[in-house]
Amino acid sequence: MDPSYYEAAEIDGASWWRKFWHITIPQIRPEIFVVLLTCTIAALKVFGPIFVLTRGGPGNATMVPSYFSYLNFFQKSNVGYGSAIATVLALIIIVVTFLFLRVQERES
């Protein structure tokens, strides 16, 4: 980050919040988008902790698409439905990724 931006803002009398909002955030926006995209995809794909800790319970409160797909595919032997759920989940991740990239492209 170029310190001259902060120096100019200081001379203009900008507050800490204005310097943060108008100088710092725009400069780290690409990194923010990468972290948001990675965390969003990880949240959609979460399987391990649900499988190990709760098995979708109590009362399906922690049922996520990846675990629901696993249940249908392996435990209920409903292979077609489990595959369809996994395919839709993959499509949702692709669409979310595309939307994030479009927003980032527009912001640049």
C-alpha atoms as a PDB file:
ATOM      1  CA  MET A   1       0.000   0.000   0.000  1.00  0.00           C
ATOM      2  CA  ASP A   2       1.315   3.363  -0.992  1.00  0.00           C
ATOM      3  CA  PRO A   3       1.767   5.584   2.077  1.00  0.00           C
ATOM      4  CA  SER A   4       1.207   8.699  -0.030  1.00  0.00           C
ATOM      5  CA  TYR A   5      -2.523   7.888  -0.152  1.00  0.00           C
ATOM      6  CA  TYR A   6      -2.713   7.924   3.627  1.00  0.00           C
ATOM      7  CA  GLU A   7      -0.597  11.057   3.806  1.00  0.00           C
ATOM      8  CA  ALA A   8      -2.883  12.866   1.343  1.00  0.00           C
ATOM      9  CA  ALA A   9      -5.950  11.721   3.277  1.00  0.00           C
ATOM     10  CA  GLU A  10      -4.378  12.914   6.513  1.00  0.00           C
ATOM     11  CA  ILE A  11      -3.689  16.346   4.978  1.00  0.00           C
ATOM     12  CA  ASP A  12      -7.309  16.504   3.768  1.00  0.00           C
ATOM     13  CA  GLY A  13      -8.501  15.763   7.303  1.00  0.00           C
ATOM     14  CA  ALA A  14      -9.922  12.287   6.698  1.00  0.00           C
ATOM     15  CA  SER A  15     -10.861  10.297   9.767  1.00  0.00           C
ATOM     16  CA  TRP A  16      -9.522   6.832  10.499  1.00  0.00           C
ATOM     17  CA  TRP A  17     -12.767   5.290   9.242  1.00  0.00           C
ATOM     18  CA  ARG A  18     -12.702   7.214   5.939  1.00  0.00           C
ATOM     19  CA  LYS A  19      -9.074   6.229   5.311  1.00  0.00           C
ATOM     20  CA  PHE A  20      -9.898   2.594   6.040  1.00  0.00           C
ATOM     21  CA  TRP A  21     -13.070   2.572   3.918  1.00  0.00           C
ATOM     22  CA  HIS A  22     -11.783   4.544   0.921  1.00  0.00           C
ATOM     23  CA  ILE A  23      -8.092   3.538   0.797  1.00  0.00           C
ATOM     24  CA  THR A  24      -7.482   0.235   2.580  1.00  0.00           C
ATOM     25  CA  ILE A  25     -10.601  -1.715   1.535  1.00  0.00           C
ATOM     26  CA  PRO A  26     -10.306  -0.947  -2.213  1.00  0.00           C
ATOM     27  CA  GLN A  27      -6.668  -2.024  -2.176  1.00  0.00           C
ATOM     28  CA  ILE A  28      -7.380  -5.391  -0.531  1.00  0.00           C
ATOM     29  CA  ARG A  29     -10.661  -6.056  -2.369  1.00  0.00           C
ATOM     30  CA  PRO A  30      -9.210  -8.878  -4.567  1.00  0.00           C
ATOM     31  CA  GLU A  31      -7.987 -10.725  -1.482  1.00  0.00           C
ATOM     32  CA  ILE A  32     -11.357 -10.259   0.208  1.00  0.00           C
ATOM     33  CA  PHE A  33     -13.088 -11.830  -2.801  1.00  0.00           C
ATOM     34  CA  VAL A  34     -10.715 -14.810  -2.809  1.00  0.00           C
ATOM     35  CA  VAL A  35     -11.295 -15.463   0.891  1.00  0.00           C
ATOM     36  CA  LEU A  36     -15.077 -15.079   0.557  1.00  0.00           C
ATOM     37  CA  LEU A  37     -15.183 -17.441  -2.415  1.00  0.00           C
ATOM     38  CA  THR A  38     -13.007 -20.047  -0.712  1.00  0.00           C
ATOM     39  CA  CYS A  39     -15.032 -19.917   2.510  1.00  0.00           C
ATOM     40  CA  THR A  40     -18.341 -20.084   0.630  1.00  0.00           C
ATOM     41  CA  ILE A  41     -17.260 -23.156  -1.322  1.00  0.00           C
ATOM     42  CA  ALA A  42     -15.933 -24.794   1.852  1.00  0.00           C
ATOM     43  CA  ALA A  43     -19.231 -24.100   3.632  1.00  0.00           C
ATOM     44  CA  LEU A  44     -21.210 -25.670   0.794  1.00  0.00           C
ATOM     45  CA  LYS A  45     -18.967 -28.746   0.677  1.00  0.00           C
ATOM     46  CA  VAL A  46     -18.687 -29.409   4.418  1.00  0.00           C
ATOM     47  CA  PHE A  47     -18.996 -33.129   5.096  1.00  0.00           C
ATOM     48  CA  GLY A  48     -16.388 -34.403   7.552  1.00  0.00           C
ATOM     49  CA  PRO A  49     -17.430 -32.554  10.724  1.00  0.00           C
ATOM     50  CA  ILE A  50     -21.108 -33.310  10.112  1.00  0.00           C
ATOM     51  CA  PHE A  51     -20.401 -36.993   9.505  1.00  0.00           C
ATOM     52  CA  VAL A  52     -18.131 -37.411  12.506  1.00  0.00           C
ATOM     53  CA  LEU A  53     -19.916 -35.229  15.058  1.00  0.00           C
ATOM     54  CA  THR A  54     -23.658 -35.162  14.426  1.00  0.00           C
ATOM     55  CA  ARG A  55     -24.629 -37.495  11.552  1.00  0.00           C
ATOM     56  CA  GLY A  56     -27.121 -34.836  10.467  1.00  0.00           C
ATOM     57  CA  GLY A  57     -28.877 -34.628  13.800  1.00  0.00           C
ATOM     58  CA  PRO A  58     -30.440 -33.773  16.092  1.00  0.00           C
ATOM     59  CA  GLY A  59     -33.588 -34.036  14.049  1.00  0.00           C
ATOM     60  CA  ASN A  60     -31.820 -33.214  10.761  1.00  0.00           C
ATOM     61  CA  ALA A  61     -30.763 -29.815  12.150  1.00  0.00           C
ATOM     62  CA  THR A  62     -27.267 -30.165  10.709  1.00  0.00           C
ATOM     63  CA  MET A  63     -28.220 -31.903   7.467  1.00  0.00           C
ATOM     64  CA  VAL A  64     -26.173 -30.370   4.641  1.00  0.00           C
ATOM     65  CA  PRO A  65     -26.378 -31.239   0.920  1.00  0.00           C
ATOM     66  CA  SER A  66     -23.133 -33.215   0.865  1.00  0.00           C
ATOM     67  CA  TYR A  67     -24.175 -35.394   3.822  1.00  0.00           C
ATOM     68  CA  PHE A  68     -27.694 -35.790   2.415  1.00  0.00           C
ATOM     69  CA  SER A  69     -26.145 -36.981  -0.861  1.00  0.00           C
ATOM     70  CA  TYR A  70     -23.972 -39.455   1.055  1.00  0.00           C
ATOM     71  CA  LEU A  71     -26.960 -40.821   2.959  1.00  0.00           C
ATOM     72  CA  ASN A  72     -28.972 -41.390  -0.194  1.00  0.00           C
ATOM     73  CA  PHE A  73     -26.088 -42.771  -2.217  1.00  0.00           C
ATOM     74  CA  PHE A  74     -24.464 -45.155   0.282  1.00  0.00           C
ATOM     75  CA  GLN A  75     -26.860 -45.835   3.144  1.00  0.00           C
ATOM     76  CA  LYS A  76     -30.221 -45.860   1.364  1.00  0.00           C
ATOM     77  CA  SER A  77     -28.750 -47.249  -1.898  1.00  0.00           C
ATOM     78  CA  ASN A  78     -30.658 -44.580  -3.785  1.00  0.00           C
ATOM     79  CA  VAL A  79     -27.780 -43.984  -6.189  1.00  0.00           C
ATOM     80  CA  GLY A  80     -29.635 -41.826  -8.719  1.00  0.00           C
ATOM     81  CA  TYR A  81     -31.000 -39.405  -6.134  1.00  0.00           C
ATOM     82  CA  GLY A  82     -27.647 -39.146  -4.327  1.00  0.00           C
ATOM     83  CA  SER A  83     -25.891 -38.460  -7.624  1.00  0.00           C
ATOM     84  CA  ALA A  84     -28.475 -35.831  -8.550  1.00  0.00           C
ATOM     85  CA  ILE A  85     -27.944 -34.045  -5.240  1.00  0.00           C
ATOM     86  CA  ALA A  86     -24.167 -34.074  -5.721  1.00  0.00           C
ATOM     87  CA  THR A  87     -24.537 -32.791  -9.285  1.00  0.00           C
ATOM     88  CA  VAL A  88     -26.838 -29.946  -8.231  1.00  0.00           C
ATOM     89  CA  LEU A  89     -24.420 -29.062  -5.424  1.00  0.00           C
ATOM     90  CA  ALA A  90     -21.558 -28.917  -7.930  1.00  0.00           C
ATOM     91  CA  LEU A  91     -23.661 -26.700 -10.222  1.00  0.00           C
ATOM     92  CA  ILE A  92     -24.506 -24.387  -7.321  1.00  0.00           C
ATOM     93  CA  ILE A  93     -20.784 -24.062  -6.490  1.00  0.00           C
ATOM     94  CA  ILE A  94     -20.012 -23.288 -10.151  1.00  0.00           C
ATOM     95  CA  VAL A  95     -22.747 -20.621 -10.305  1.00  0.00           C
ATOM     96  CA  VAL A  96     -21.623 -19.036  -7.020  1.00  0.00           C
ATOM     97  CA  THR A  97     -18.032 -18.994  -8.282  1.00  0.00           C
ATOM     98  CA  PHE A  98     -19.125 -17.398 -11.559  1.00  0.00           C
ATOM     99  CA  LEU A  99     -21.138 -14.735  -9.692  1.00  0.00           C
ATOM    100  CA  PHE A 100     -18.223 -13.949  -7.369  1.00  0.00           C
ATOM    101  CA  LEU A 101     -15.882 -13.591 -10.344  1.00  0.00           C
ATOM    102  CA  ARG A 102     -18.342 -11.327 -12.183  1.00  0.00           C
ATOM    103  CA  VAL A 103     -18.736  -9.074  -9.152  1.00  0.00           C
ATOM    104  CA  GLN A 104     -14.969  -8.922  -8.705  1.00  0.00           C
ATOM    105  CA  GLU A 105     -14.479  -8.121 -12.381  1.00  0.00           C
ATOM    106  CA  ARG A 106     -17.063  -5.344 -12.192  1.00  0.00           C
ATOM    107  CA  GLU A 107     -15.475  -3.872  -9.065  1.00  0.00           C
ATOM    108  CA  SER A 108     -11.988  -3.742 -10.614  1.00  0.00           C
END
